[in-house]
């Protein structure tokens, strides 16, 4: 009986742990990282395994670095490289349906969004910049009232030298482990969208 109580307590403890997902979208596409406690794993895209000899050398070098560096320092923020805006729009629509179900239990640790307005017509570019800024003004109160959020930064700019609008997004969310299935099933359609869009872009580059 005591063994069953201990097992049940362990399962309950694991279920109550917070499960985090970090999402970055930019010029290099979509990157998804999962985190539980101190452990993190890149979900998408998966890392390619290097050849055996090179992998052994890399592991030895990493071990030496771990011995030398006992204190883990926070990484410096990487340079923003926005990606195609139409792909991001599809991603936003897919993830929005899932967020609606778990928004009361979801903790948004950070939400950074930067939209770069661009196009063939400078007037349309300027108008789009104004519209996005107006959307941000209406979106912020809705986000803050519907979610628990620690850090957020929604910005927009205009690029009159480029012809395509771009978006950079960096978000980190946290949810209880037992509720993380919502996030898992949300990632699957997002990956399908990314692969489909990237396939179309590759075909365009080949035909050009």
N, C-alpha and C. Protein backbone atom coordinates (compact mmCIF):
# COMPACT_ATOMS: atom_id res chain seq x y z
N UNK A 1 0.84 -1.21 0.00
CA UNK A 1 0.00 0.00 0.00
C UNK A 1 0.87 1.26 0.00
N UNK A 2 1.93 1.24 0.81
CA UNK A 2 2.84 2.38 0.88
C UNK A 2 3.52 2.63 -0.46
N UNK A 3 3.87 1.53 -1.15
CA UNK A 3 4.52 1.65 -2.46
C UNK A 3 3.59 2.32 -3.47
N UNK A 4 2.30 1.97 -3.42
CA UNK A 4 1.32 2.58 -4.33
C UNK A 4 1.17 4.07 -4.05
N UNK A 5 1.17 4.43 -2.77
CA UNK A 5 1.06 5.85 -2.40
C UNK A 5 2.26 6.64 -2.90
N UNK A 6 3.46 6.05 -2.77
CA UNK A 6 4.68 6.71 -3.24
C UNK A 6 4.64 6.89 -4.75
N UNK A 7 4.24 5.82 -5.48
CA UNK A 7 4.16 5.89 -6.94
C UNK A 7 3.15 6.96 -7.37
N UNK A 8 1.99 6.97 -6.69
CA UNK A 8 0.98 7.98 -7.01
C UNK A 8 1.48 9.39 -6.74
N UNK A 9 2.22 9.58 -5.64
CA UNK A 9 2.77 10.90 -5.30
C UNK A 9 3.78 11.36 -6.34
N UNK A 10 4.60 10.42 -6.84
CA UNK A 10 5.60 10.76 -7.87
C UNK A 10 4.92 11.17 -9.16
N UNK A 11 3.90 10.38 -9.56
CA UNK A 11 3.16 10.70 -10.79
C UNK A 11 2.48 12.06 -10.68
N UNK A 12 1.89 12.32 -9.50
CA UNK A 12 1.22 13.61 -9.28
C UNK A 12 2.21 14.77 -9.34
N UNK A 13 3.40 14.56 -8.77
CA UNK A 13 4.43 15.59 -8.78
C UNK A 13 4.89 15.91 -10.19
N UNK A 14 5.09 14.85 -10.98
CA UNK A 14 5.50 15.04 -12.38
C UNK A 14 4.42 15.77 -13.17
N UNK A 15 3.16 15.38 -12.92
CA UNK A 15 2.04 16.00 -13.65
C UNK A 15 1.91 17.48 -13.35
N UNK A 16 2.30 17.88 -12.13
CA UNK A 16 2.16 19.28 -11.73
C UNK A 16 3.37 20.13 -12.13
N UNK A 17 4.43 19.49 -12.62
CA UNK A 17 5.59 20.25 -13.08
C UNK A 17 5.21 21.14 -14.26
N UNK A 18 5.90 22.27 -14.40
CA UNK A 18 5.64 23.18 -15.52
C UNK A 18 6.46 22.76 -16.73
N UNK A 19 5.79 22.66 -17.84
CA UNK A 19 6.41 22.30 -19.12
C UNK A 19 6.47 23.53 -20.00
N UNK A 20 7.66 23.88 -20.47
CA UNK A 20 7.83 25.09 -21.26
C UNK A 20 8.11 24.82 -22.71
N UNK A 21 7.63 25.70 -23.57
CA UNK A 21 7.90 25.63 -25.01
C UNK A 21 8.37 27.00 -25.49
N UNK A 22 9.52 27.02 -26.15
CA UNK A 22 10.04 28.26 -26.72
C UNK A 22 9.95 28.20 -28.23
N UNK A 23 9.45 29.27 -28.83
CA UNK A 23 9.27 29.33 -30.29
C UNK A 23 9.94 30.58 -30.82
N UNK A 24 10.78 30.40 -31.85
CA UNK A 24 11.42 31.52 -32.52
C UNK A 24 11.15 31.40 -34.01
N UNK A 25 10.64 32.47 -34.62
CA UNK A 25 10.40 32.49 -36.06
C UNK A 25 11.11 33.68 -36.67
N UNK A 26 11.90 33.41 -37.71
CA UNK A 26 12.62 34.49 -38.37
C UNK A 26 13.11 34.08 -39.74
N UNK A 27 14.21 34.65 -40.15
CA UNK A 27 14.75 34.40 -41.48
C UNK A 27 15.10 32.92 -41.69
N UNK A 28 15.54 32.25 -40.64
CA UNK A 28 15.95 30.85 -40.74
C UNK A 28 14.79 29.87 -40.57
N UNK A 29 13.56 30.38 -40.49
CA UNK A 29 12.40 29.52 -40.34
C UNK A 29 11.97 29.37 -38.89
N UNK A 30 11.30 28.27 -38.59
CA UNK A 30 10.74 28.03 -37.26
C UNK A 30 11.68 27.17 -36.43
N UNK A 31 11.87 27.56 -35.15
CA UNK A 31 12.64 26.76 -34.20
C UNK A 31 11.78 26.57 -32.95
N UNK A 32 11.61 25.32 -32.54
CA UNK A 32 10.79 25.00 -31.37
C UNK A 32 11.65 24.24 -30.36
N UNK A 33 11.66 24.71 -29.12
CA UNK A 33 12.43 24.08 -28.04
C UNK A 33 11.51 23.77 -26.88
N UNK A 34 11.61 22.55 -26.37
CA UNK A 34 10.82 22.13 -25.21
C UNK A 34 11.72 22.13 -23.97
N UNK A 35 11.14 22.47 -22.81
CA UNK A 35 11.92 22.53 -21.58
C UNK A 35 11.08 22.04 -20.40
N UNK A 36 11.69 21.17 -19.58
CA UNK A 36 11.11 20.73 -18.31
C UNK A 36 12.18 20.89 -17.25
N UNK A 37 11.96 21.83 -16.33
CA UNK A 37 12.97 22.10 -15.32
C UNK A 37 14.25 22.63 -15.95
N UNK A 38 15.38 21.97 -15.67
CA UNK A 38 16.67 22.38 -16.21
C UNK A 38 16.99 21.72 -17.54
N UNK A 39 16.12 20.82 -18.00
CA UNK A 39 16.38 20.07 -19.23
C UNK A 39 15.66 20.71 -20.41
N UNK A 40 16.37 20.81 -21.53
CA UNK A 40 15.77 21.38 -22.75
C UNK A 40 16.08 20.48 -23.93
N UNK A 41 15.19 20.50 -24.92
CA UNK A 41 15.34 19.68 -26.12
C UNK A 41 14.79 20.44 -27.31
N UNK A 42 15.59 20.51 -28.37
CA UNK A 42 15.11 21.15 -29.59
C UNK A 42 14.19 20.18 -30.32
N UNK A 43 12.93 20.59 -30.49
CA UNK A 43 11.92 19.75 -31.11
C UNK A 43 11.95 19.87 -32.62
N UNK A 44 12.09 21.10 -33.11
CA UNK A 44 12.09 21.33 -34.56
C UNK A 44 12.94 22.55 -34.90
N UNK A 45 13.79 22.48 -35.92
CA UNK A 45 14.15 21.27 -36.68
C UNK A 45 15.12 20.41 -35.88
N UNK A 46 15.11 19.11 -36.13
CA UNK A 46 16.01 18.22 -35.42
C UNK A 46 17.44 18.42 -35.89
N UNK A 47 18.38 18.30 -34.95
CA UNK A 47 19.79 18.46 -35.28
C UNK A 47 20.27 17.25 -36.08
N UNK A 48 21.05 17.54 -37.14
CA UNK A 48 21.65 16.45 -37.92
C UNK A 48 22.86 15.90 -37.18
N UNK A 49 22.93 14.58 -37.10
CA UNK A 49 24.05 13.96 -36.40
C UNK A 49 25.31 14.01 -37.25
N UNK A 50 26.39 14.57 -36.74
CA UNK A 50 27.63 14.64 -37.51
C UNK A 50 28.28 13.26 -37.61
N UNK A 51 29.26 13.09 -38.51
CA UNK A 51 29.97 11.81 -38.61
C UNK A 51 30.59 11.43 -37.26
N UNK A 52 30.85 10.12 -37.08
CA UNK A 52 31.27 9.60 -35.78
C UNK A 52 32.52 10.28 -35.24
N UNK A 53 33.58 10.39 -36.03
CA UNK A 53 34.84 10.96 -35.56
C UNK A 53 34.66 12.42 -35.18
N UNK A 54 33.95 13.17 -36.04
CA UNK A 54 33.74 14.58 -35.75
C UNK A 54 32.87 14.76 -34.52
N UNK A 55 31.89 13.85 -34.32
CA UNK A 55 31.02 13.93 -33.16
C UNK A 55 31.81 13.65 -31.87
N UNK A 56 32.74 12.69 -31.93
CA UNK A 56 33.57 12.39 -30.76
C UNK A 56 34.44 13.57 -30.38
N UNK A 57 35.02 14.24 -31.39
CA UNK A 57 35.85 15.41 -31.11
C UNK A 57 35.02 16.54 -30.51
N UNK A 58 33.79 16.68 -31.01
CA UNK A 58 32.92 17.74 -30.50
C UNK A 58 32.53 17.46 -29.05
N UNK A 59 32.25 16.18 -28.73
CA UNK A 59 31.88 15.83 -27.37
C UNK A 59 33.04 16.05 -26.39
N UNK A 60 34.26 15.74 -26.82
CA UNK A 60 35.42 15.97 -25.98
C UNK A 60 35.61 17.46 -25.71
N UNK A 61 35.42 18.27 -26.77
CA UNK A 61 35.56 19.72 -26.61
C UNK A 61 34.50 20.27 -25.67
N UNK A 62 33.28 19.74 -25.77
CA UNK A 62 32.20 20.20 -24.89
C UNK A 62 32.48 19.82 -23.43
N UNK A 63 33.04 18.63 -23.21
CA UNK A 63 33.37 18.21 -21.85
C UNK A 63 34.41 19.14 -21.24
N UNK A 64 35.41 19.53 -22.03
CA UNK A 64 36.45 20.44 -21.54
C UNK A 64 35.86 21.80 -21.17
N UNK A 65 34.91 22.26 -22.01
CA UNK A 65 34.27 23.55 -21.73
C UNK A 65 33.46 23.50 -20.44
N UNK A 66 32.79 22.37 -20.22
CA UNK A 66 31.97 22.23 -19.00
C UNK A 66 32.84 22.23 -17.75
N UNK A 67 34.03 21.64 -17.87
CA UNK A 67 34.94 21.60 -16.71
C UNK A 67 35.45 23.00 -16.39
N UNK A 68 35.78 23.77 -17.45
CA UNK A 68 36.32 25.11 -17.26
C UNK A 68 35.26 26.09 -16.79
N UNK A 69 34.06 25.96 -17.35
CA UNK A 69 32.98 26.91 -17.04
C UNK A 69 32.00 26.27 -16.07
N UNK A 70 32.15 26.60 -14.80
CA UNK A 70 31.25 26.07 -13.78
C UNK A 70 30.00 26.93 -13.65
N UNK A 71 30.14 28.22 -13.98
CA UNK A 71 29.02 29.14 -13.90
C UNK A 71 28.44 29.31 -15.28
N UNK A 72 27.14 29.05 -15.42
CA UNK A 72 26.46 29.19 -16.72
C UNK A 72 26.00 30.62 -16.89
N UNK A 73 26.50 31.28 -17.92
CA UNK A 73 26.14 32.67 -18.17
C UNK A 73 25.00 32.73 -19.17
N UNK A 74 24.19 33.77 -19.02
CA UNK A 74 23.05 33.96 -19.93
C UNK A 74 23.55 34.35 -21.31
N UNK A 75 22.98 33.72 -22.34
CA UNK A 75 23.40 33.99 -23.71
C UNK A 75 22.96 35.39 -24.15
N UNK A 76 23.82 36.02 -24.95
CA UNK A 76 23.48 37.34 -25.47
C UNK A 76 22.40 37.19 -26.53
N UNK A 77 21.48 38.15 -26.62
CA UNK A 77 20.41 38.06 -27.60
C UNK A 77 20.95 38.08 -29.03
N UNK A 78 20.44 37.19 -29.86
CA UNK A 78 20.88 37.12 -31.25
C UNK A 78 20.24 38.23 -32.09
N UNK A 79 20.85 38.52 -33.20
CA UNK A 79 20.36 39.57 -34.08
C UNK A 79 19.05 39.14 -34.73
N UNK A 80 18.10 40.05 -34.80
CA UNK A 80 16.80 39.75 -35.39
C UNK A 80 16.93 39.61 -36.90
N UNK A 81 16.38 38.49 -37.44
CA UNK A 81 16.37 38.26 -38.88
C UNK A 81 14.97 37.82 -39.27
N UNK A 82 14.08 38.77 -39.58
CA UNK A 82 12.69 38.43 -39.87
C UNK A 82 12.53 37.51 -41.07
N UNK A 83 11.46 36.69 -41.04
CA UNK A 83 11.14 35.80 -42.15
C UNK A 83 9.85 36.23 -42.83
N UNK A 84 9.37 35.45 -43.84
CA UNK A 84 8.17 35.82 -44.61
C UNK A 84 6.94 36.01 -43.73
N UNK A 85 6.20 37.09 -43.97
CA UNK A 85 5.04 37.41 -43.13
C UNK A 85 3.86 36.50 -43.40
N UNK A 86 3.68 36.01 -44.64
CA UNK A 86 2.53 35.17 -44.95
C UNK A 86 2.61 33.83 -44.24
N UNK A 87 3.82 33.28 -44.13
CA UNK A 87 4.00 32.02 -43.40
C UNK A 87 3.68 32.21 -41.93
N UNK A 88 4.11 33.33 -41.37
CA UNK A 88 3.84 33.60 -39.95
C UNK A 88 2.35 33.75 -39.70
N UNK A 89 1.63 34.31 -40.65
CA UNK A 89 0.18 34.47 -40.51
C UNK A 89 -0.51 33.12 -40.39
N UNK A 90 -0.07 32.14 -41.18
CA UNK A 90 -0.64 30.79 -41.10
C UNK A 90 -0.34 30.15 -39.75
N UNK A 91 0.89 30.36 -39.27
CA UNK A 91 1.27 29.81 -37.97
C UNK A 91 0.43 30.40 -36.86
N UNK A 92 0.22 31.70 -36.92
CA UNK A 92 -0.53 32.40 -35.88
C UNK A 92 -1.97 31.90 -35.81
N UNK A 93 -2.56 31.63 -36.97
CA UNK A 93 -3.94 31.15 -37.02
C UNK A 93 -4.06 29.75 -36.41
N UNK A 94 -3.08 28.89 -36.70
CA UNK A 94 -3.13 27.51 -36.20
C UNK A 94 -2.94 27.45 -34.69
N UNK A 95 -1.99 28.23 -34.18
CA UNK A 95 -1.70 28.18 -32.74
C UNK A 95 -2.76 28.91 -31.92
N UNK A 96 -3.45 29.86 -32.53
CA UNK A 96 -4.48 30.62 -31.83
C UNK A 96 -5.63 29.76 -31.35
N UNK A 97 -5.98 28.73 -32.12
CA UNK A 97 -7.09 27.85 -31.75
C UNK A 97 -6.77 27.06 -30.47
N UNK A 98 -5.52 26.63 -30.36
CA UNK A 98 -5.12 25.86 -29.18
C UNK A 98 -4.99 26.76 -27.96
N UNK A 99 -4.42 27.95 -28.15
CA UNK A 99 -4.23 28.87 -27.03
C UNK A 99 -5.56 29.26 -26.40
N UNK A 100 -6.62 29.29 -27.20
CA UNK A 100 -7.93 29.63 -26.67
C UNK A 100 -8.43 28.64 -25.64
N UNK A 101 -7.99 27.39 -25.75
CA UNK A 101 -8.44 26.35 -24.83
C UNK A 101 -7.70 26.40 -23.49
N UNK A 102 -6.44 26.83 -23.53
CA UNK A 102 -5.62 26.73 -22.32
C UNK A 102 -5.19 28.09 -21.78
N UNK A 103 -5.78 29.16 -22.26
CA UNK A 103 -5.28 30.49 -21.95
C UNK A 103 -5.34 30.82 -20.46
N UNK A 104 -6.27 30.24 -19.72
CA UNK A 104 -6.39 30.53 -18.29
C UNK A 104 -5.28 29.88 -17.48
N UNK A 105 -4.75 28.77 -17.99
CA UNK A 105 -3.69 28.05 -17.28
C UNK A 105 -2.31 28.35 -17.85
N UNK A 106 -2.25 29.04 -18.95
CA UNK A 106 -1.00 29.28 -19.66
C UNK A 106 -0.26 30.48 -19.09
N UNK A 107 1.06 30.34 -18.94
CA UNK A 107 1.91 31.45 -18.52
C UNK A 107 2.82 31.82 -19.69
N UNK A 108 2.72 33.06 -20.16
CA UNK A 108 3.59 33.55 -21.23
C UNK A 108 4.77 34.26 -20.58
N UNK A 109 5.94 33.61 -20.64
CA UNK A 109 7.13 34.19 -20.01
C UNK A 109 7.67 35.36 -20.81
N UNK A 110 7.62 35.24 -22.13
CA UNK A 110 8.04 36.37 -22.98
C UNK A 110 7.30 36.31 -24.31
N UNK A 111 7.06 37.47 -24.87
CA UNK A 111 6.40 37.58 -26.17
C UNK A 111 6.99 38.78 -26.90
N UNK A 112 7.89 38.50 -27.84
CA UNK A 112 8.51 39.54 -28.65
C UNK A 112 8.04 39.36 -30.09
N UNK A 113 7.52 40.43 -30.66
CA UNK A 113 7.01 40.38 -32.04
C UNK A 113 7.41 41.66 -32.76
N UNK A 114 8.10 41.49 -33.88
CA UNK A 114 8.52 42.65 -34.67
C UNK A 114 8.08 42.45 -36.12
N UNK A 115 7.27 43.38 -36.61
CA UNK A 115 6.77 43.32 -37.98
C UNK A 115 7.47 44.37 -38.82
N UNK A 116 7.99 43.95 -39.98
CA UNK A 116 8.67 44.86 -40.90
C UNK A 116 7.77 45.04 -42.12
N UNK A 117 7.21 46.22 -42.26
CA UNK A 117 6.34 46.52 -43.39
C UNK A 117 7.20 46.82 -44.63
N UNK A 118 6.83 46.22 -45.76
CA UNK A 118 7.58 46.43 -47.00
C UNK A 118 6.67 46.13 -48.19
N UNK A 119 7.05 46.65 -49.36
CA UNK A 119 6.27 46.43 -50.56
C UNK A 119 6.78 47.24 -51.72
N UNK A 120 6.16 47.04 -52.89
CA UNK A 120 6.57 47.76 -54.09
C UNK A 120 6.18 49.23 -54.03
N UNK A 121 5.08 49.53 -53.35
CA UNK A 121 4.57 50.90 -53.26
C UNK A 121 4.92 51.49 -51.89
N UNK A 122 5.73 52.55 -51.84
CA UNK A 122 6.10 53.16 -50.55
C UNK A 122 4.89 53.64 -49.75
N UNK A 123 3.84 54.12 -50.44
CA UNK A 123 2.65 54.59 -49.75
C UNK A 123 1.94 53.44 -49.02
N UNK A 124 1.81 52.30 -49.71
CA UNK A 124 1.18 51.13 -49.11
C UNK A 124 2.01 50.60 -47.93
N UNK A 125 3.32 50.69 -48.08
CA UNK A 125 4.23 50.26 -47.00
C UNK A 125 3.99 51.10 -45.75
N UNK A 126 3.90 52.41 -45.94
CA UNK A 126 3.66 53.32 -44.81
C UNK A 126 2.29 53.07 -44.18
N UNK A 127 1.27 52.83 -45.02
CA UNK A 127 -0.08 52.56 -44.52
C UNK A 127 -0.13 51.26 -43.72
N UNK A 128 0.57 50.24 -44.21
CA UNK A 128 0.60 48.96 -43.51
C UNK A 128 1.30 49.09 -42.16
N UNK A 129 2.34 49.89 -42.13
CA UNK A 129 3.03 50.15 -40.87
C UNK A 129 2.08 50.78 -39.85
N UNK A 130 1.26 51.74 -40.31
CA UNK A 130 0.29 52.38 -39.43
C UNK A 130 -0.79 51.41 -38.97
N UNK A 131 -1.24 50.52 -39.86
CA UNK A 131 -2.27 49.56 -39.50
C UNK A 131 -1.77 48.56 -38.46
N UNK A 132 -0.55 48.09 -38.65
CA UNK A 132 0.02 47.12 -37.71
C UNK A 132 0.19 47.77 -36.33
N UNK A 133 0.62 49.01 -36.31
CA UNK A 133 0.77 49.72 -35.04
C UNK A 133 -0.58 49.86 -34.33
N UNK A 134 -1.64 50.10 -35.13
CA UNK A 134 -2.99 50.21 -34.56
C UNK A 134 -3.48 48.87 -34.03
N UNK A 135 -3.14 47.79 -34.75
CA UNK A 135 -3.52 46.44 -34.30
C UNK A 135 -2.85 46.12 -32.98
N UNK A 136 -1.59 46.49 -32.86
CA UNK A 136 -0.86 46.27 -31.60
C UNK A 136 -1.58 46.96 -30.43
N UNK A 137 -2.04 48.18 -30.67
CA UNK A 137 -2.71 48.95 -29.61
C UNK A 137 -3.97 48.24 -29.11
N UNK A 138 -4.68 47.58 -30.03
CA UNK A 138 -5.88 46.85 -29.64
C UNK A 138 -5.58 45.45 -29.13
N UNK A 139 -4.45 44.89 -29.59
CA UNK A 139 -4.11 43.51 -29.23
C UNK A 139 -3.55 43.39 -27.82
N UNK A 140 -2.78 44.38 -27.40
CA UNK A 140 -2.13 44.32 -26.10
C UNK A 140 -3.11 44.16 -24.93
N UNK A 141 -4.18 44.98 -24.86
CA UNK A 141 -5.13 44.81 -23.75
C UNK A 141 -5.78 43.43 -23.75
N UNK A 142 -6.06 42.88 -24.95
CA UNK A 142 -6.68 41.55 -25.04
C UNK A 142 -5.73 40.48 -24.52
N UNK A 143 -4.45 40.58 -24.86
CA UNK A 143 -3.46 39.60 -24.41
C UNK A 143 -3.29 39.68 -22.90
N UNK A 144 -3.17 40.90 -22.39
CA UNK A 144 -2.92 41.08 -20.96
C UNK A 144 -4.13 40.67 -20.11
N UNK A 145 -5.33 40.81 -20.65
CA UNK A 145 -6.53 40.42 -19.89
C UNK A 145 -6.80 38.92 -19.98
N UNK A 146 -6.39 38.29 -21.07
CA UNK A 146 -6.68 36.87 -21.27
C UNK A 146 -5.60 35.93 -20.81
N UNK A 147 -4.35 36.43 -20.69
CA UNK A 147 -3.23 35.57 -20.33
C UNK A 147 -2.43 36.18 -19.18
N UNK A 148 -1.71 35.31 -18.49
CA UNK A 148 -0.70 35.79 -17.55
C UNK A 148 0.58 35.98 -18.33
N UNK A 149 1.12 37.16 -18.36
CA UNK A 149 2.28 37.46 -19.19
C UNK A 149 3.30 38.27 -18.39
N UNK A 150 4.56 37.87 -18.50
CA UNK A 150 5.63 38.54 -17.75
C UNK A 150 6.28 39.65 -18.58
N UNK A 151 6.75 39.30 -19.77
CA UNK A 151 7.44 40.28 -20.60
C UNK A 151 6.85 40.27 -22.00
N UNK A 152 6.57 41.45 -22.52
CA UNK A 152 6.07 41.52 -23.90
C UNK A 152 6.59 42.78 -24.58
N UNK A 153 6.81 42.65 -25.87
CA UNK A 153 7.30 43.77 -26.68
C UNK A 153 6.83 43.58 -28.11
N UNK A 154 5.87 44.38 -28.52
CA UNK A 154 5.33 44.34 -29.88
C UNK A 154 5.75 45.61 -30.60
N UNK A 155 6.54 45.45 -31.65
CA UNK A 155 7.06 46.61 -32.38
C UNK A 155 6.84 46.44 -33.87
N UNK A 156 6.96 47.55 -34.59
CA UNK A 156 6.81 47.54 -36.05
C UNK A 156 7.75 48.57 -36.65
N UNK A 157 8.17 48.32 -37.88
CA UNK A 157 9.03 49.25 -38.61
C UNK A 157 8.71 49.15 -40.09
N UNK A 158 9.21 50.10 -40.88
CA UNK A 158 8.98 50.13 -42.32
C UNK A 158 10.30 50.03 -43.05
N UNK A 159 10.35 49.17 -44.07
CA UNK A 159 11.54 48.99 -44.90
C UNK A 159 11.16 49.33 -46.34
N UNK A 160 11.59 50.50 -46.79
CA UNK A 160 11.22 50.97 -48.14
C UNK A 160 12.17 50.44 -49.22
N UNK A 161 13.18 49.69 -48.83
CA UNK A 161 14.12 49.12 -49.79
C UNK A 161 13.78 47.67 -50.13
N UNK A 162 12.92 47.03 -49.33
CA UNK A 162 12.54 45.65 -49.57
C UNK A 162 11.13 45.59 -50.18
N UNK A 163 10.80 44.45 -50.79
CA UNK A 163 9.49 44.29 -51.45
C UNK A 163 8.57 43.33 -50.70
N UNK A 164 9.10 42.59 -49.72
CA UNK A 164 8.28 41.62 -48.99
C UNK A 164 8.26 41.94 -47.50
N UNK A 165 7.07 41.95 -46.88
CA UNK A 165 7.00 42.15 -45.42
C UNK A 165 7.59 40.96 -44.69
N UNK A 166 8.14 41.21 -43.51
CA UNK A 166 8.80 40.16 -42.75
C UNK A 166 8.38 40.24 -41.28
N UNK A 167 8.56 39.14 -40.58
CA UNK A 167 8.17 39.07 -39.17
C UNK A 167 9.25 38.33 -38.39
N UNK A 168 9.56 38.86 -37.19
CA UNK A 168 10.41 38.14 -36.24
C UNK A 168 9.61 37.95 -34.96
N UNK A 169 9.54 36.71 -34.48
CA UNK A 169 8.79 36.40 -33.26
C UNK A 169 9.63 35.53 -32.34
N UNK A 170 9.54 35.82 -31.06
CA UNK A 170 10.26 35.04 -30.05
C UNK A 170 9.36 34.95 -28.82
N UNK A 171 8.88 33.73 -28.54
CA UNK A 171 7.93 33.56 -27.45
C UNK A 171 8.29 32.34 -26.61
N UNK A 172 7.99 32.41 -25.33
CA UNK A 172 8.20 31.28 -24.42
C UNK A 172 6.97 31.15 -23.55
N UNK A 173 6.37 29.96 -23.54
CA UNK A 173 5.17 29.71 -22.76
C UNK A 173 5.41 28.55 -21.80
N UNK A 174 4.63 28.52 -20.73
CA UNK A 174 4.78 27.47 -19.72
C UNK A 174 3.40 26.97 -19.32
N UNK A 175 3.31 25.64 -19.15
CA UNK A 175 2.03 25.03 -18.79
C UNK A 175 2.32 23.76 -17.99
N UNK A 176 1.36 23.31 -17.20
CA UNK A 176 1.54 22.08 -16.43
C UNK A 176 1.74 20.89 -17.37
N UNK A 177 2.56 19.91 -16.93
CA UNK A 177 2.90 18.76 -17.77
C UNK A 177 1.65 18.03 -18.25
N UNK A 178 0.66 17.85 -17.37
CA UNK A 178 -0.53 17.09 -17.76
C UNK A 178 -1.36 17.81 -18.81
N UNK A 179 -1.14 19.12 -18.94
CA UNK A 179 -1.87 19.88 -19.96
C UNK A 179 -1.03 20.11 -21.22
N UNK A 180 0.18 19.61 -21.25
CA UNK A 180 1.09 19.90 -22.36
C UNK A 180 0.70 19.20 -23.67
N UNK A 181 -0.24 18.25 -23.60
CA UNK A 181 -0.69 17.60 -24.83
C UNK A 181 -1.30 18.60 -25.80
N UNK A 182 -1.92 19.68 -25.28
CA UNK A 182 -2.46 20.72 -26.15
C UNK A 182 -1.35 21.33 -27.00
N UNK A 183 -0.20 21.59 -26.34
CA UNK A 183 0.94 22.17 -27.07
C UNK A 183 1.49 21.20 -28.09
N UNK A 184 1.58 19.92 -27.70
CA UNK A 184 2.13 18.90 -28.61
C UNK A 184 1.31 18.82 -29.89
N UNK A 185 -0.02 18.75 -29.75
CA UNK A 185 -0.87 18.64 -30.93
C UNK A 185 -0.92 19.95 -31.72
N UNK A 186 -0.54 21.06 -31.07
CA UNK A 186 -0.47 22.33 -31.80
C UNK A 186 0.76 22.39 -32.70
N UNK A 187 1.86 21.76 -32.25
CA UNK A 187 3.11 21.81 -33.00
C UNK A 187 3.01 21.04 -34.32
N UNK A 188 2.25 19.95 -34.32
CA UNK A 188 2.16 19.11 -35.52
C UNK A 188 1.66 19.87 -36.76
N UNK A 189 0.51 20.60 -36.67
CA UNK A 189 0.08 21.36 -37.85
C UNK A 189 1.02 22.50 -38.19
N UNK A 190 1.71 23.07 -37.18
CA UNK A 190 2.66 24.15 -37.45
C UNK A 190 3.83 23.64 -38.29
N UNK A 191 4.33 22.46 -37.95
CA UNK A 191 5.44 21.88 -38.72
C UNK A 191 5.00 21.58 -40.15
N UNK A 192 3.76 21.09 -40.31
CA UNK A 192 3.24 20.81 -41.65
C UNK A 192 3.15 22.08 -42.49
N UNK A 193 2.74 23.19 -41.87
CA UNK A 193 2.65 24.47 -42.57
C UNK A 193 4.02 24.94 -43.01
N UNK A 194 4.99 24.85 -42.10
CA UNK A 194 6.35 25.29 -42.39
C UNK A 194 6.95 24.49 -43.55
N UNK A 195 6.79 23.16 -43.49
CA UNK A 195 7.35 22.30 -44.54
C UNK A 195 6.73 22.61 -45.90
N UNK A 196 5.40 22.83 -45.89
CA UNK A 196 4.72 23.12 -47.14
C UNK A 196 5.19 24.45 -47.73
N UNK A 197 5.32 25.47 -46.86
CA UNK A 197 5.76 26.79 -47.32
C UNK A 197 7.20 26.75 -47.81
N UNK A 198 8.08 26.06 -47.06
CA UNK A 198 9.47 25.98 -47.46
C UNK A 198 9.63 25.21 -48.76
N UNK A 199 8.78 24.19 -48.97
CA UNK A 199 8.82 23.44 -50.23
C UNK A 199 8.45 24.32 -51.41
N UNK A 200 7.44 25.19 -51.22
CA UNK A 200 7.03 26.10 -52.30
C UNK A 200 8.13 27.11 -52.60
N UNK A 201 8.79 27.62 -51.53
CA UNK A 201 9.85 28.60 -51.72
C UNK A 201 11.04 28.00 -52.45
N UNK A 202 11.38 26.73 -52.13
CA UNK A 202 12.48 26.05 -52.82
C UNK A 202 12.17 25.86 -54.30
N UNK A 203 10.90 25.52 -54.61
CA UNK A 203 10.50 25.35 -56.00
C UNK A 203 10.62 26.66 -56.77
N UNK A 204 10.26 27.78 -56.12
CA UNK A 204 10.37 29.08 -56.77
C UNK A 204 11.82 29.41 -57.09
N UNK A 205 12.71 29.10 -56.11
CA UNK A 205 14.14 29.39 -56.30
C UNK A 205 14.69 28.54 -57.44
N UNK A 206 14.27 27.26 -57.53
CA UNK A 206 14.76 26.37 -58.59
C UNK A 206 14.29 26.84 -59.96
N UNK A 207 13.00 27.22 -60.05
CA UNK A 207 12.45 27.67 -61.33
C UNK A 207 13.05 28.99 -61.80
N UNK A 208 13.46 29.84 -60.81
CA UNK A 208 14.09 31.12 -61.17
C UNK A 208 15.52 30.89 -61.67
